[in-house]
C-alpha atoms as a PDB file:
ATOM      1  CA  MET A   1      20.338   9.983   8.766  1.00  0.00           C
ATOM      2  CA  ASN A   2      17.502  10.434  11.405  1.00  0.00           C
ATOM      3  CA  LYS A   3      14.071  10.254   9.926  1.00  0.00           C
ATOM      4  CA  THR A   4      13.848  14.285  10.245  1.00  0.00           C
ATOM      5  CA  ASP A   5      16.601  14.404   7.856  1.00  0.00           C
ATOM      6  CA  GLU A   6      15.086  12.189   5.192  1.00  0.00           C
ATOM      7  CA  LYS A   7      13.162  13.295   2.433  1.00  0.00           C
ATOM      8  CA  LEU A   8       9.862  12.286   1.914  1.00  0.00           C
ATOM      9  CA  ILE A   9       7.371  11.749  -1.125  1.00  0.00           C
ATOM     10  CA  GLU A  10       4.359  13.902  -1.359  1.00  0.00           C
ATOM     11  CA  VAL A  11       1.464  12.097  -3.422  1.00  0.00           C
ATOM     12  CA  GLU A  12      -1.639  14.228  -3.722  1.00  0.00           C
ATOM     13  CA  VAL A  13      -4.933  12.437  -4.441  1.00  0.00           C
ATOM     14  CA  THR A  14      -7.696  14.998  -5.912  1.00  0.00           C
ATOM     15  CA  ALA A  15     -11.298  14.259  -6.930  1.00  0.00           C
ATOM     16  CA  GLY A  16     -10.470  14.125 -10.537  1.00  0.00           C
ATOM     17  CA  ASP A  17      -7.874  11.400  -9.423  1.00  0.00           C
ATOM     18  CA  ILE A  18     -10.700   9.458  -7.934  1.00  0.00           C
ATOM     19  CA  GLU A  19     -12.762   9.774 -10.848  1.00  0.00           C
ATOM     20  CA  ILE A  20     -10.304   8.651 -13.417  1.00  0.00           C
ATOM     21  CA  MET A  21      -9.693   5.401 -11.248  1.00  0.00           C
ATOM     22  CA  ARG A  22     -13.745   4.720 -10.952  1.00  0.00           C
ATOM     23  CA  ALA A  23     -13.747   5.180 -14.823  1.00  0.00           C
ATOM     24  CA  GLN A  24     -10.769   2.851 -15.022  1.00  0.00           C
ATOM     25  CA  GLY A  25     -12.873   0.246 -12.941  1.00  0.00           C
ATOM     26  CA  VAL A  26     -11.290   0.555  -9.556  1.00  0.00           C
ATOM     27  CA  GLU A  27     -13.749  -0.864  -7.019  1.00  0.00           C
ATOM     28  CA  GLU A  28     -14.877   1.847  -4.202  1.00  0.00           C
ATOM     29  CA  SER A  29     -13.110  -0.294  -1.381  1.00  0.00           C
ATOM     30  CA  ASP A  30      -9.805   0.342  -3.314  1.00  0.00           C
ATOM     31  CA  LEU A  31     -10.156   3.957  -3.744  1.00  0.00           C
ATOM     32  CA  PRO A  32      -7.465   6.101  -1.803  1.00  0.00           C
ATOM     33  CA  ALA A  33      -8.673   8.883   0.354  1.00  0.00           C
ATOM     34  CA  LEU A  34      -8.274  12.440  -0.792  1.00  0.00           C
ATOM     35  CA  GLY A  35      -5.683  14.548   0.471  1.00  0.00           C
ATOM     36  CA  ILE A  36      -1.733  14.664   0.340  1.00  0.00           C
ATOM     37  CA  LYS A  37       0.333  11.494   1.641  1.00  0.00           C
ATOM     38  CA  ARG A  38       3.519  11.336   2.801  1.00  0.00           C
ATOM     39  CA  TYR A  39       6.097   8.430   2.302  1.00  0.00           C
ATOM     40  CA  ARG A  40       9.702   7.649   2.708  1.00  0.00           C
ATOM     41  CA  PRO A  41      11.312   6.533  -0.142  1.00  0.00           C
ATOM     42  CA  ALA A  42      12.309   3.048   0.228  1.00  0.00           C
ATOM     43  CA  ARG A  43      16.435   2.909  -0.010  1.00  0.00           C
ATOM     44  CA  HIS A  44      16.801  -0.970  -0.365  1.00  0.00           C
ATOM     45  CA  ILE A  45      13.610  -2.584  -1.915  1.00  0.00           C
ATOM     46  CA  ILE A  46      13.155  -3.235  -5.479  1.00  0.00           C
ATOM     47  CA  ARG A  47       9.715  -4.569  -5.990  1.00  0.00           C
ATOM     48  CA  ASP A  48       8.381  -6.570  -8.761  1.00  0.00           C
ATOM     49  CA  LYS A  49       5.024  -6.317  -9.893  1.00  0.00           C
ATOM     50  CA  VAL A  50       3.341  -9.915  -9.845  1.00  0.00           C
ATOM     51  CA  ALA A  51      -0.001 -11.069 -10.224  1.00  0.00           C
ATOM     52  CA  ILE A  52      -0.970 -13.991  -7.212  1.00  0.00           C
ATOM     53  CA  LEU A  53      -4.354 -15.739  -6.407  1.00  0.00           C
ATOM     54  CA  LEU A  54      -5.228 -15.152  -2.880  1.00  0.00           C
ATOM     55  CA  ASP A  55      -8.019 -16.813  -0.867  1.00  0.00           C
ATOM     56  CA  ALA A  56     -10.926 -13.934  -1.237  1.00  0.00           C
ATOM     57  CA  ASP A  57     -11.309 -14.159   3.023  1.00  0.00           C
ATOM     58  CA  ILE A  58      -7.514 -13.165   3.302  1.00  0.00           C
ATOM     59  CA  VAL A  59      -7.723 -10.273   0.620  1.00  0.00           C
ATOM     60  CA  GLU A  60     -11.016  -9.184   2.608  1.00  0.00           C
ATOM     61  CA  HIS A  61      -9.106  -9.420   6.071  1.00  0.00           C
ATOM     62  CA  PHE A  62      -6.605  -6.873   4.718  1.00  0.00           C
ATOM     63  CA  LYS A  63      -8.591  -4.614   3.240  1.00  0.00           C
ATOM     64  CA  THR A  64     -11.169  -4.482   6.135  1.00  0.00           C
ATOM     65  CA  ASN A  65      -8.200  -4.032   8.656  1.00  0.00           C
ATOM     66  CA  SER A  66      -5.630  -2.004   6.693  1.00  0.00           C
ATOM     67  CA  ASP A  67      -4.256   1.558   8.082  1.00  0.00           C
ATOM     68  CA  SER A  68      -5.629   4.760   6.329  1.00  0.00           C
ATOM     69  CA  ASP A  69      -2.372   5.682   5.242  1.00  0.00           C
ATOM     70  CA  GLU A  70      -1.361   2.330   4.072  1.00  0.00           C
ATOM     71  CA  PHE A  71      -2.985   0.570   1.267  1.00  0.00           C
ATOM     72  CA  TYR A  72      -3.648  -3.353   2.055  1.00  0.00           C
ATOM     73  CA  GLN A  73      -1.415  -4.586  -0.623  1.00  0.00           C
ATOM     74  CA  ALA A  74       1.586  -3.078   1.617  1.00  0.00           C
ATOM     75  CA  GLN A  75       0.186  -4.738   4.587  1.00  0.00           C
ATOM     76  CA  ILE A  76       0.064  -8.160   2.846  1.00  0.00           C
ATOM     77  CA  ASN A  77       3.865  -7.728   1.714  1.00  0.00           C
ATOM     78  CA  LYS A  78       4.567  -6.734   5.383  1.00  0.00           C
ATOM     79  CA  ALA A  79       3.004  -9.892   6.655  1.00  0.00           C
ATOM     80  CA  LEU A  80       4.816 -12.217   4.139  1.00  0.00           C
ATOM     81  CA  ARG A  81       8.414 -10.088   5.192  1.00  0.00           C
ATOM     82  CA  GLN A  82       7.545 -11.215   8.598  1.00  0.00           C
ATOM     83  CA  VAL A  83       7.269 -14.916   7.569  1.00  0.00           C
ATOM     84  CA  ILE A  84      10.565 -14.683   5.873  1.00  0.00           C
ATOM     85  CA  GLU A  85      12.267 -13.085   9.098  1.00  0.00           C
ATOM     86  CA  SER A  86      10.644 -15.549  11.512  1.00  0.00           C
ATOM     87  CA  ARG A  87      12.138 -18.402   9.642  1.00  0.00           C
ATOM     88  CA  ARG A  88      15.200 -16.858   9.519  1.00  0.00           C
ATOM     89  CA  ALA A  89      15.813 -16.744  13.076  1.00  0.00           C
END
């Protein structure tokens, strides 16, 4: 299956969604951009929701350097995966 055959998941973030997130106490820097984002569904990854303590400068680094289409949490996950893969080699 090539990338054009894969089904994409579309998620729309509206102004109403942003207002709900603000009311729930989500920080401005953590709010997603308005519009439709397209994601490929993960085929092999089962995610566990965990709480971990990270140094503030690490979190700030990923927040300020995150791509507009990717949340900083996903980039932290990707960086951790790269460490694991490098140790397997």
